[in-house]
Amino acid sequence: MNLDQLYPYGFKTTLFDRLLPNELYGQQGLSLQQLRESVALDLEDLLNSRTAKLSPEIDDFPLAKQSILQFGIIDFVGLSTSNPLDRDKICQSIEQSIAAHEPRLKQIKVEMLMEGHNMGALCLSIQAFLNIHPLYEPVIFDALLKPTTQQYVILTKT
């Protein structure tokens, strides 16, 4: 089944994108590539935000845990990327944050890439499926934490 036949007018932008004046997307829908880029930009915002440290009473309010109060990822200070348990904790935390705040992605898997040539930069591979009803389009994003700026940059693979 051809995506152009299913979505001849393109994919819908996010509410936030529609509220802001943006010449890039205009009033027409997004192409599949623009949809991927939109998700990548939103993932970049998510990875560059930190969750608030809330009291244990938040556990009594499960919807609050998925709200904007918890937008972002945990602070990894004190965790070591050389420790496999810490790496798993970091990856699981990022998976949970993406699942809670990026509804366009399903079946999210985050892996930490341990390559020697990155010189202190943290590399993550985010594999998921774009939820394009009735289809699921596989996507892979590479997230690179630049040590100089301490900011994540997302690279779209496919």
N, C-alpha and C. Protein backbone atom coordinates (compact mmCIF):
# COMPACT_ATOMS: atom_id res chain seq x y z
N MET A 1 0.84 -1.17 0.00
CA MET A 1 0.00 0.00 0.00
C MET A 1 0.89 1.24 0.00
N ASN A 2 0.63 2.17 -0.87
CA ASN A 2 1.43 3.38 -1.04
C ASN A 2 0.94 4.46 -0.06
N LEU A 3 1.88 5.06 0.68
CA LEU A 3 1.51 6.09 1.65
C LEU A 3 0.91 7.31 0.96
N ASP A 4 1.35 7.62 -0.25
CA ASP A 4 0.80 8.77 -0.97
C ASP A 4 -0.67 8.56 -1.30
N GLN A 5 -1.07 7.31 -1.55
CA GLN A 5 -2.47 7.01 -1.82
C GLN A 5 -3.30 7.09 -0.55
N LEU A 6 -2.71 6.64 0.57
CA LEU A 6 -3.44 6.69 1.85
C LEU A 6 -3.59 8.12 2.35
N TYR A 7 -2.55 8.92 2.16
CA TYR A 7 -2.53 10.29 2.69
C TYR A 7 -2.20 11.28 1.58
N PRO A 8 -3.15 11.50 0.65
CA PRO A 8 -2.85 12.39 -0.49
C PRO A 8 -2.62 13.84 -0.07
N TYR A 9 -3.12 14.23 1.10
CA TYR A 9 -2.96 15.62 1.56
C TYR A 9 -1.86 15.76 2.60
N GLY A 10 -1.12 14.69 2.84
CA GLY A 10 -0.02 14.74 3.79
C GLY A 10 -0.46 14.39 5.20
N PHE A 11 0.50 14.39 6.11
CA PHE A 11 0.26 14.04 7.50
C PHE A 11 0.01 15.31 8.29
N LYS A 12 -0.82 15.20 9.31
CA LYS A 12 -1.19 16.35 10.14
C LYS A 12 -0.03 16.76 11.03
N THR A 13 0.17 18.06 11.16
CA THR A 13 1.21 18.57 12.06
C THR A 13 0.70 18.49 13.49
N THR A 14 1.60 18.64 14.46
CA THR A 14 1.19 18.64 15.86
C THR A 14 0.43 19.92 16.16
N LEU A 15 -0.34 19.90 17.22
CA LEU A 15 -1.10 21.08 17.63
C LEU A 15 -0.17 22.26 17.86
N PHE A 16 0.95 22.01 18.51
CA PHE A 16 1.92 23.06 18.78
C PHE A 16 2.42 23.68 17.48
N ASP A 17 2.74 22.83 16.49
CA ASP A 17 3.20 23.33 15.19
C ASP A 17 2.12 24.16 14.51
N ARG A 18 0.86 23.76 14.68
CA ARG A 18 -0.22 24.51 14.03
C ARG A 18 -0.49 25.84 14.71
N LEU A 19 -0.17 25.97 15.98
CA LEU A 19 -0.40 27.22 16.70
C LEU A 19 0.65 28.28 16.40
N LEU A 20 1.84 27.82 16.05
CA LEU A 20 2.93 28.75 15.75
C LEU A 20 2.96 29.07 14.26
N PRO A 21 3.24 30.33 13.92
CA PRO A 21 3.37 30.64 12.50
C PRO A 21 4.64 29.99 11.98
N ASN A 22 4.49 29.13 10.99
CA ASN A 22 5.63 28.38 10.49
C ASN A 22 5.50 28.25 8.98
N GLU A 23 6.37 28.89 8.28
CA GLU A 23 6.33 28.86 6.81
C GLU A 23 6.72 27.50 6.25
N LEU A 24 7.49 26.73 7.03
CA LEU A 24 7.99 25.46 6.53
C LEU A 24 6.86 24.49 6.20
N TYR A 25 5.87 24.40 7.07
CA TYR A 25 4.82 23.41 6.87
C TYR A 25 3.54 24.01 6.29
N GLY A 26 3.31 25.28 6.55
CA GLY A 26 2.13 25.94 5.99
C GLY A 26 0.84 25.25 6.37
N GLN A 27 -0.17 25.39 5.56
CA GLN A 27 -1.46 24.80 5.84
C GLN A 27 -1.58 23.39 5.29
N GLN A 28 -0.74 23.02 4.34
CA GLN A 28 -0.84 21.67 3.79
C GLN A 28 -0.23 20.68 4.78
N GLY A 29 -0.48 19.42 4.54
CA GLY A 29 0.05 18.38 5.41
C GLY A 29 1.53 18.16 5.18
N LEU A 30 2.11 17.33 6.03
CA LEU A 30 3.53 17.03 5.96
C LEU A 30 3.77 15.82 5.07
N SER A 31 4.88 15.83 4.39
CA SER A 31 5.33 14.62 3.69
C SER A 31 5.88 13.66 4.75
N LEU A 32 6.16 12.43 4.37
CA LEU A 32 6.70 11.46 5.31
C LEU A 32 8.05 11.94 5.85
N GLN A 33 8.88 12.50 5.00
CA GLN A 33 10.18 13.01 5.44
C GLN A 33 10.00 14.18 6.42
N GLN A 34 9.06 15.08 6.14
CA GLN A 34 8.81 16.20 7.06
C GLN A 34 8.26 15.71 8.39
N LEU A 35 7.45 14.64 8.36
CA LEU A 35 6.94 14.05 9.59
C LEU A 35 8.09 13.50 10.43
N ARG A 36 9.03 12.81 9.78
CA ARG A 36 10.21 12.31 10.50
C ARG A 36 11.00 13.47 11.11
N GLU A 37 11.18 14.53 10.34
CA GLU A 37 11.93 15.69 10.84
C GLU A 37 11.21 16.36 12.01
N SER A 38 9.88 16.41 11.94
CA SER A 38 9.09 16.98 13.04
C SER A 38 9.26 16.15 14.30
N VAL A 39 9.23 14.82 14.18
CA VAL A 39 9.44 13.95 15.33
C VAL A 39 10.85 14.13 15.87
N ALA A 40 11.84 14.23 14.97
CA ALA A 40 13.23 14.41 15.40
C ALA A 40 13.39 15.70 16.20
N LEU A 41 12.77 16.78 15.75
CA LEU A 41 12.85 18.06 16.47
C LEU A 41 12.22 17.95 17.85
N ASP A 42 11.08 17.26 17.93
CA ASP A 42 10.41 17.10 19.22
C ASP A 42 11.21 16.18 20.14
N LEU A 43 11.85 15.15 19.58
CA LEU A 43 12.72 14.29 20.39
C LEU A 43 13.92 15.08 20.93
N GLU A 44 14.44 15.95 20.10
CA GLU A 44 15.57 16.79 20.53
C GLU A 44 15.15 17.66 21.72
N ASP A 45 13.97 18.25 21.64
CA ASP A 45 13.46 19.06 22.76
C ASP A 45 13.29 18.21 24.02
N LEU A 46 12.77 17.00 23.85
CA LEU A 46 12.55 16.11 24.99
C LEU A 46 13.87 15.73 25.65
N LEU A 47 14.87 15.35 24.84
CA LEU A 47 16.15 14.93 25.38
C LEU A 47 16.93 16.08 26.01
N ASN A 48 16.67 17.29 25.59
CA ASN A 48 17.37 18.45 26.14
C ASN A 48 16.61 19.10 27.30
N SER A 49 15.56 18.43 27.78
CA SER A 49 14.81 18.88 28.95
C SER A 49 14.99 17.87 30.07
N ARG A 50 14.94 18.34 31.30
CA ARG A 50 15.08 17.46 32.47
C ARG A 50 13.78 17.47 33.25
N THR A 51 13.42 16.28 33.75
CA THR A 51 12.20 16.17 34.54
C THR A 51 12.38 16.86 35.88
N ALA A 52 11.28 17.31 36.43
CA ALA A 52 11.31 17.93 37.75
C ALA A 52 11.44 16.84 38.81
N LYS A 53 12.13 17.14 39.86
CA LYS A 53 12.25 16.21 40.98
C LYS A 53 11.04 16.44 41.87
N LEU A 54 10.10 15.49 41.83
CA LEU A 54 8.85 15.64 42.58
C LEU A 54 8.85 14.74 43.80
N SER A 55 8.00 15.08 44.74
CA SER A 55 7.91 14.29 45.96
C SER A 55 7.25 12.94 45.68
N PRO A 56 7.40 11.98 46.58
CA PRO A 56 6.82 10.65 46.38
C PRO A 56 5.29 10.65 46.27
N GLU A 57 4.63 11.71 46.71
CA GLU A 57 3.18 11.78 46.62
C GLU A 57 2.68 11.75 45.18
N ILE A 58 3.56 12.02 44.23
CA ILE A 58 3.18 12.00 42.82
C ILE A 58 2.73 10.61 42.39
N ASP A 59 3.18 9.59 43.10
CA ASP A 59 2.79 8.21 42.77
C ASP A 59 1.28 8.00 42.91
N ASP A 60 0.62 8.82 43.71
CA ASP A 60 -0.84 8.71 43.86
C ASP A 60 -1.59 9.31 42.67
N PHE A 61 -0.87 9.96 41.77
CA PHE A 61 -1.48 10.61 40.62
C PHE A 61 -0.80 10.14 39.33
N PRO A 62 -1.19 8.97 38.82
CA PRO A 62 -0.48 8.41 37.66
C PRO A 62 -0.57 9.28 36.41
N LEU A 63 -1.64 10.02 36.22
CA LEU A 63 -1.74 10.88 35.05
C LEU A 63 -0.79 12.07 35.14
N ALA A 64 -0.50 12.52 36.34
CA ALA A 64 0.44 13.62 36.51
C ALA A 64 1.84 13.21 36.09
N LYS A 65 2.15 11.92 36.23
CA LYS A 65 3.46 11.43 35.82
C LYS A 65 3.64 11.48 34.31
N GLN A 66 2.54 11.49 33.57
CA GLN A 66 2.61 11.56 32.11
C GLN A 66 2.33 12.97 31.60
N SER A 67 2.17 13.92 32.49
CA SER A 67 1.85 15.28 32.09
C SER A 67 3.12 16.07 31.78
N ILE A 68 2.92 17.33 31.45
CA ILE A 68 4.03 18.23 31.14
C ILE A 68 4.95 18.43 32.35
N LEU A 69 4.44 18.13 33.55
CA LEU A 69 5.27 18.20 34.75
C LEU A 69 6.50 17.31 34.64
N GLN A 70 6.34 16.21 33.96
CA GLN A 70 7.42 15.23 33.84
C GLN A 70 8.03 15.21 32.45
N PHE A 71 7.89 16.29 31.69
CA PHE A 71 8.48 16.37 30.36
C PHE A 71 9.99 16.43 30.47
N GLY A 72 10.66 15.58 29.73
CA GLY A 72 12.12 15.55 29.73
C GLY A 72 12.62 14.19 30.18
N ILE A 73 13.91 14.13 30.42
CA ILE A 73 14.55 12.89 30.86
C ILE A 73 15.17 13.13 32.23
N ILE A 74 15.50 12.04 32.92
CA ILE A 74 16.12 12.19 34.24
C ILE A 74 17.53 12.75 34.08
N ASP A 75 18.02 13.35 35.15
CA ASP A 75 19.40 13.84 35.17
C ASP A 75 20.31 12.64 35.44
N PHE A 76 21.29 12.43 34.60
CA PHE A 76 22.15 11.26 34.71
C PHE A 76 23.38 11.49 35.58
N VAL A 77 23.44 12.59 36.29
CA VAL A 77 24.58 12.85 37.17
C VAL A 77 24.65 11.71 38.20
N GLY A 78 25.81 11.16 38.35
CA GLY A 78 26.00 10.06 39.30
C GLY A 78 25.88 8.68 38.66
N LEU A 79 25.45 8.63 37.39
CA LEU A 79 25.38 7.35 36.68
C LEU A 79 26.57 7.26 35.73
N SER A 80 27.07 6.06 35.58
CA SER A 80 28.25 5.85 34.73
C SER A 80 27.88 5.07 33.48
N THR A 81 28.29 5.57 32.34
CA THR A 81 28.02 4.85 31.08
C THR A 81 28.89 3.61 30.94
N SER A 82 29.89 3.47 31.78
CA SER A 82 30.72 2.26 31.73
C SER A 82 30.10 1.12 32.55
N ASN A 83 29.11 1.44 33.37
CA ASN A 83 28.41 0.44 34.18
C ASN A 83 27.18 -0.05 33.41
N PRO A 84 27.09 -1.36 33.10
CA PRO A 84 25.95 -1.87 32.34
C PRO A 84 24.59 -1.62 33.00
N LEU A 85 24.53 -1.67 34.33
CA LEU A 85 23.26 -1.42 35.02
C LEU A 85 22.83 0.04 34.87
N ASP A 86 23.79 0.95 34.95
CA ASP A 86 23.48 2.37 34.76
C ASP A 86 23.07 2.65 33.32
N ARG A 87 23.75 2.01 32.36
CA ARG A 87 23.38 2.18 30.95
C ARG A 87 21.94 1.73 30.71
N ASP A 88 21.58 0.58 31.30
CA ASP A 88 20.21 0.08 31.16
C ASP A 88 19.21 1.05 31.78
N LYS A 89 19.55 1.60 32.95
CA LYS A 89 18.66 2.56 33.62
C LYS A 89 18.45 3.80 32.75
N ILE A 90 19.53 4.30 32.18
CA ILE A 90 19.44 5.48 31.31
C ILE A 90 18.56 5.19 30.10
N CYS A 91 18.81 4.07 29.44
CA CYS A 91 18.04 3.72 28.23
C CYS A 91 16.57 3.49 28.55
N GLN A 92 16.27 2.79 29.64
CA GLN A 92 14.88 2.55 30.01
C GLN A 92 14.18 3.85 30.37
N SER A 93 14.88 4.74 31.05
CA SER A 93 14.29 6.02 31.41
C SER A 93 13.95 6.84 30.16
N ILE A 94 14.85 6.83 29.19
CA ILE A 94 14.60 7.57 27.95
C ILE A 94 13.44 6.93 27.17
N GLU A 95 13.39 5.62 27.13
CA GLU A 95 12.26 4.92 26.48
C GLU A 95 10.94 5.33 27.11
N GLN A 96 10.88 5.35 28.44
CA GLN A 96 9.66 5.72 29.14
C GLN A 96 9.26 7.17 28.87
N SER A 97 10.24 8.05 28.83
CA SER A 97 9.94 9.47 28.55
C SER A 97 9.40 9.64 27.14
N ILE A 98 10.01 8.96 26.18
CA ILE A 98 9.54 9.06 24.79
C ILE A 98 8.14 8.48 24.67
N ALA A 99 7.91 7.33 25.30
CA ALA A 99 6.58 6.70 25.24
C ALA A 99 5.51 7.61 25.86
N ALA A 100 5.85 8.32 26.92
CA ALA A 100 4.88 9.18 27.59
C ALA A 100 4.62 10.48 26.84
N HIS A 101 5.61 10.99 26.11
CA HIS A 101 5.49 12.33 25.54
C HIS A 101 5.56 12.42 24.03
N GLU A 102 5.76 11.31 23.35
CA GLU A 102 5.79 11.32 21.89
C GLU A 102 4.85 10.23 21.36
N PRO A 103 3.54 10.56 21.27
CA PRO A 103 2.54 9.55 20.86
C PRO A 103 2.66 9.10 19.42
N ARG A 104 3.46 9.80 18.61
CA ARG A 104 3.63 9.38 17.21
C ARG A 104 4.56 8.20 17.07
N LEU A 105 5.25 7.82 18.15
CA LEU A 105 6.17 6.69 18.11
C LEU A 105 5.64 5.55 18.97
N LYS A 106 5.81 4.34 18.46
CA LYS A 106 5.40 3.12 19.17
C LYS A 106 6.56 2.14 19.17
N GLN A 107 6.52 1.19 20.10
CA GLN A 107 7.53 0.14 20.22
C GLN A 107 8.94 0.73 20.23
N ILE A 108 9.18 1.60 21.17
CA ILE A 108 10.43 2.35 21.26
C ILE A 108 11.51 1.51 21.93
N LYS A 109 12.69 1.51 21.34
CA LYS A 109 13.85 0.82 21.89
C LYS A 109 15.04 1.77 21.82
N VAL A 110 15.66 2.02 22.97
CA VAL A 110 16.81 2.91 23.04
C VAL A 110 18.03 2.10 23.43
N GLU A 111 19.10 2.26 22.67
CA GLU A 111 20.36 1.58 22.95
C GLU A 111 21.47 2.60 23.01
N MET A 112 22.39 2.38 23.93
CA MET A 112 23.55 3.24 24.02
C MET A 112 24.65 2.64 23.15
N LEU A 113 25.17 3.45 22.25
CA LEU A 113 26.23 2.99 21.35
C LEU A 113 27.57 3.26 22.00
N MET A 114 28.32 2.20 22.20
CA MET A 114 29.61 2.31 22.88
C MET A 114 30.72 2.18 21.84
N GLU A 115 31.01 3.28 21.18
CA GLU A 115 32.05 3.28 20.15
C GLU A 115 33.21 4.14 20.64
N GLY A 116 34.42 3.69 20.42
CA GLY A 116 35.60 4.37 20.92
C GLY A 116 35.90 5.70 20.27
N HIS A 117 35.40 5.92 19.05
CA HIS A 117 35.80 7.13 18.32
C HIS A 117 34.96 8.37 18.68
N ASN A 118 34.04 8.26 19.63
CA ASN A 118 33.17 9.40 19.95
C ASN A 118 33.81 10.39 20.92
N MET A 119 34.93 10.04 21.51
CA MET A 119 35.70 10.94 22.35
C MET A 119 34.85 11.62 23.42
N GLY A 120 34.19 10.84 24.26
CA GLY A 120 33.43 11.39 25.37
C GLY A 120 32.00 11.75 25.05
N ALA A 121 31.61 11.73 23.80
CA ALA A 121 30.24 12.03 23.43
C ALA A 121 29.38 10.81 23.69
N LEU A 122 28.17 11.02 24.15
CA LEU A 122 27.23 9.94 24.39
C LEU A 122 26.37 9.77 23.15
N CYS A 123 26.31 8.55 22.62
CA CYS A 123 25.51 8.26 21.42
C CYS A 123 24.40 7.28 21.78
N LEU A 124 23.19 7.62 21.38
CA LEU A 124 22.04 6.76 21.58
C LEU A 124 21.41 6.44 20.24
N SER A 125 20.92 5.22 20.11
CA SER A 125 20.15 4.84 18.94
C SER A 125 18.71 4.64 19.40
N ILE A 126 17.80 5.38 18.79
CA ILE A 126 16.37 5.29 19.13
C ILE A 126 15.67 4.64 17.95
N GLN A 127 15.19 3.44 18.17
CA GLN A 127 14.48 2.70 17.14
C GLN A 127 13.01 2.63 17.54
N ALA A 128 12.14 2.90 16.58
CA ALA A 128 10.71 2.91 16.87
C ALA A 128 9.93 2.77 15.58
N PHE A 129 8.63 2.82 15.71
CA PHE A 129 7.74 2.82 14.56
C PHE A 129 6.90 4.08 14.61
N LEU A 130 6.86 4.81 13.48
CA LEU A 130 5.95 5.94 13.36
C LEU A 130 4.54 5.38 13.28
N ASN A 131 3.65 5.89 14.10
CA ASN A 131 2.29 5.42 14.14
C ASN A 131 1.48 6.16 13.08
N ILE A 132 1.48 5.60 11.87
CA ILE A 132 0.76 6.19 10.74
C ILE A 132 -0.39 5.25 10.43
N HIS A 133 -1.51 5.48 11.10
CA HIS A 133 -2.64 4.56 10.97
C HIS A 133 -3.04 4.39 9.51
N PRO A 134 -3.19 3.23 9.00
CA PRO A 134 -3.15 1.90 9.60
C PRO A 134 -1.77 1.25 9.52
N LEU A 135 -0.74 1.98 9.15
CA LEU A 135 0.59 1.42 8.98
C LEU A 135 1.53 1.87 10.10
N TYR A 136 2.63 1.15 10.21
CA TYR A 136 3.70 1.54 11.12
C TYR A 136 4.98 1.62 10.29
N GLU A 137 5.57 2.79 10.25
CA GLU A 137 6.78 3.04 9.46
C GLU A 137 7.99 2.97 10.40
N PRO A 138 8.95 2.07 10.16
CA PRO A 138 10.13 2.00 11.04
C PRO A 138 11.02 3.23 10.87
N VAL A 139 11.50 3.74 11.99
CA VAL A 139 12.42 4.89 11.98
C VAL A 139 13.55 4.62 12.97
N ILE A 140 14.69 5.19 12.67
CA ILE A 140 15.84 5.13 13.57
C ILE A 140 16.39 6.55 13.68
N PHE A 141 16.55 6.99 14.93
CA PHE A 141 17.15 8.30 15.19
C PHE A 141 18.42 8.06 16.00
N ASP A 142 19.48 8.73 15.63
CA ASP A 142 20.69 8.71 16.44
C ASP A 142 20.73 10.02 17.21
N ALA A 143 20.92 9.89 18.52
CA ALA A 143 21.02 11.06 19.38
C ALA A 143 22.46 11.16 19.86
N LEU A 144 23.05 12.30 19.67
CA LEU A 144 24.44 12.52 20.06
C LEU A 144 24.48 13.65 21.08
N LEU A 145 25.02 13.35 22.26
CA LEU A 145 25.21 14.37 23.28
C LEU A 145 26.58 14.98 23.07
N LYS A 146 26.58 16.23 22.69
CA LYS A 146 27.86 16.92 22.44
C LYS A 146 28.46 17.34 23.78
N PRO A 147 29.69 16.91 24.07
CA PRO A 147 30.28 17.21 25.37
C PRO A 147 30.53 18.71 25.59
N THR A 148 30.76 19.46 24.54
CA THR A 148 31.06 20.89 24.71
C THR A 148 29.83 21.69 25.09
N THR A 149 28.70 21.37 24.49
CA THR A 149 27.47 22.14 24.74
C THR A 149 26.52 21.46 25.71
N GLN A 150 26.75 20.15 25.97
CA GLN A 150 25.85 19.34 26.79
C GLN A 150 24.43 19.34 26.24
N GLN A 151 24.31 19.40 24.91
CA GLN A 151 23.02 19.37 24.23
C GLN A 151 22.97 18.17 23.30
N TYR A 152 21.79 17.56 23.22
CA TYR A 152 21.59 16.45 22.28
C TYR A 152 21.27 16.99 20.91
N VAL A 153 21.76 16.30 19.91
CA VAL A 153 21.45 16.57 18.52
C VAL A 153 20.90 15.27 17.94
N ILE A 154 19.78 15.34 17.24
CA ILE A 154 19.16 14.16 16.66
C ILE A 154 19.50 14.10 15.19
N LEU A 155 19.91 12.93 14.75
CA LEU A 155 20.17 12.66 13.33
C LEU A 155 19.18 11.61 12.88
N THR A 156 18.46 11.88 11.80
CA THR A 156 17.49 10.94 11.28
C THR A 156 18.19 9.99 10.33
N LYS A 157 17.99 8.68 10.53
CA LYS A 157 18.59 7.70 9.63
C LYS A 157 17.61 7.32 8.54
N THR A 158 16.48 6.77 8.92
CA THR A 158 15.47 6.33 7.95
C THR A 158 14.18 6.03 8.62
